[in-house]
Amino acid sequence: MCRNTICNCILETKPARTDPVTNVMHMNYKFLLSFILIIYSAICFIVYFIQDKLIFFPRSIDKEIAEKVAGSQSCPEEVYIDTPEGVKLHGWFYRKDADAPVLLYFG
């Protein structure tokens, strides 16, 4: 194998052994990593566009609860506010002293 000198031994290198099992495993890792990245990107994309629906759950107030709240306070005014987006907001306005703090509640 080695001829007479050390230089010849160093230069006579064997080609790297290609193991089919190692190549397949390496391809599987690449595929798995790509698959996970695609799924993660798709989930982020979907969540971005439906985030309002995931955070805000509007619901109507029962008539019983509305009457209970209205009866416990001094005559509230029913207020309807139309937004530029075309949404109609419904609320109650309680008139109080000018020095009283304001509590704004969204629920």
Protein backbone atom coordinates (compact mmCIF):
# COMPACT_ATOMS: atom_id res chain seq x y z
CA MET A 1 0.00 0.00 0.00
CA CYS A 2 2.59 2.57 1.01
CA ARG A 3 5.38 2.78 -1.43
CA ASN A 4 8.69 3.91 -0.13
CA THR A 5 7.99 7.30 1.30
CA ILE A 6 5.64 8.81 3.86
CA CYS A 7 4.38 11.36 1.35
CA ASN A 8 3.05 8.62 -0.86
CA CYS A 9 1.17 7.09 2.10
CA ILE A 10 -0.49 10.40 2.89
CA LEU A 11 -1.45 10.99 -0.71
CA GLU A 12 -3.00 7.56 -1.08
CA THR A 13 -6.25 8.22 0.65
CA LYS A 14 -9.30 6.05 0.34
CA PRO A 15 -12.54 7.63 -0.79
CA ALA A 16 -15.06 8.24 1.96
CA ARG A 17 -17.34 5.30 2.48
CA THR A 18 -20.93 6.08 1.60
CA ASP A 19 -23.30 4.31 3.89
CA PRO A 20 -26.83 4.05 2.45
CA VAL A 21 -28.40 3.97 5.92
CA THR A 22 -26.65 7.20 6.93
CA ASN A 23 -27.72 8.89 3.69
CA VAL A 24 -31.36 7.84 4.20
CA MET A 25 -31.35 9.04 7.82
CA HIS A 26 -29.86 12.37 6.76
CA MET A 27 -32.59 12.76 4.12
CA ASN A 28 -35.27 11.87 6.70
CA TYR A 29 -33.99 14.56 9.08
CA LYS A 30 -34.09 17.13 6.29
CA PHE A 31 -37.61 16.06 5.34
CA LEU A 32 -38.79 16.11 8.97
CA LEU A 33 -37.26 19.53 9.59
CA SER A 34 -38.83 20.91 6.40
CA PHE A 35 -42.20 19.41 7.29
CA ILE A 36 -42.14 20.92 10.81
CA LEU A 37 -41.13 24.31 9.41
CA ILE A 38 -43.96 24.27 6.85
CA ILE A 39 -46.56 23.25 9.46
CA TYR A 40 -45.33 25.94 11.89
CA SER A 41 -45.46 28.60 9.15
CA ALA A 42 -48.99 27.53 8.17
CA ILE A 43 -50.19 27.71 11.79
CA CYS A 44 -48.67 31.20 12.21
CA PHE A 45 -50.29 32.32 8.95
CA ILE A 46 -53.74 31.02 9.97
CA VAL A 47 -53.56 32.41 13.52
CA TYR A 48 -52.56 35.84 12.19
CA PHE A 49 -55.73 36.10 10.11
CA ILE A 50 -58.14 34.72 12.74
CA GLN A 51 -56.65 36.36 15.82
CA ASP A 52 -59.69 38.62 16.39
CA LYS A 53 -61.94 35.58 16.56
CA LEU A 54 -59.58 33.91 19.04
CA ILE A 55 -59.56 36.90 21.42
CA PHE A 56 -62.99 38.54 21.26
CA PHE A 57 -66.14 36.52 21.91
CA PRO A 58 -69.10 38.91 21.69
CA ARG A 59 -72.32 37.78 23.30
CA SER A 60 -75.68 39.30 24.00
CA ILE A 61 -76.79 40.34 27.46
CA ASP A 62 -79.76 38.40 28.79
CA LYS A 63 -82.88 40.45 29.35
CA GLU A 64 -82.96 39.34 32.99
CA ILE A 65 -79.42 40.61 33.64
CA ALA A 66 -80.13 43.88 31.79
CA GLU A 67 -83.20 44.52 33.95
CA LYS A 68 -81.29 43.67 37.13
CA VAL A 69 -78.47 46.09 36.31
CA ALA A 70 -80.86 48.80 35.14
CA GLY A 71 -82.94 48.46 38.33
CA SER A 72 -79.95 48.62 40.65
CA GLN A 73 -78.59 51.90 39.27
CA SER A 74 -80.10 55.30 38.64
CA CYS A 75 -81.83 55.24 35.25
CA PRO A 76 -79.18 54.55 32.61
CA GLU A 77 -79.58 55.83 29.09
CA GLU A 78 -79.28 53.24 26.36
CA VAL A 79 -76.66 54.43 23.93
CA TYR A 80 -75.97 53.10 20.44
CA ILE A 81 -72.77 54.10 18.68
CA ASP A 82 -72.19 53.44 14.98
CA THR A 83 -68.52 52.90 14.14
CA PRO A 84 -66.87 53.76 10.79
CA GLU A 85 -66.50 50.01 10.15
CA GLY A 86 -70.27 49.59 10.23
CA VAL A 87 -70.44 47.96 13.68
CA LYS A 88 -73.19 49.08 16.04
CA LEU A 89 -72.10 49.29 19.69
CA HIS A 90 -74.66 49.16 22.47
CA GLY A 91 -74.07 50.52 25.95
CA TRP A 92 -75.51 52.23 28.98
CA PHE A 93 -74.70 55.78 29.99
CA TYR A 94 -75.07 56.77 33.65
CA ARG A 95 -75.09 60.48 34.39
CA LYS A 96 -73.19 61.31 37.57
CA ASP A 97 -71.53 64.28 39.23
CA ALA A 98 -68.95 66.10 37.16
CA ASP A 99 -66.20 65.26 39.66
CA ALA A 100 -66.90 61.53 39.64
CA PRO A 101 -64.35 59.24 37.96
CA VAL A 102 -65.28 57.45 34.74
CA LEU A 103 -65.21 53.69 34.42
CA LEU A 104 -65.19 52.35 30.89
CA TYR A 105 -65.83 48.61 30.67
CA PHE A 106 -65.79 46.28 27.68
CA GLY A 107 -67.03 42.81 28.42
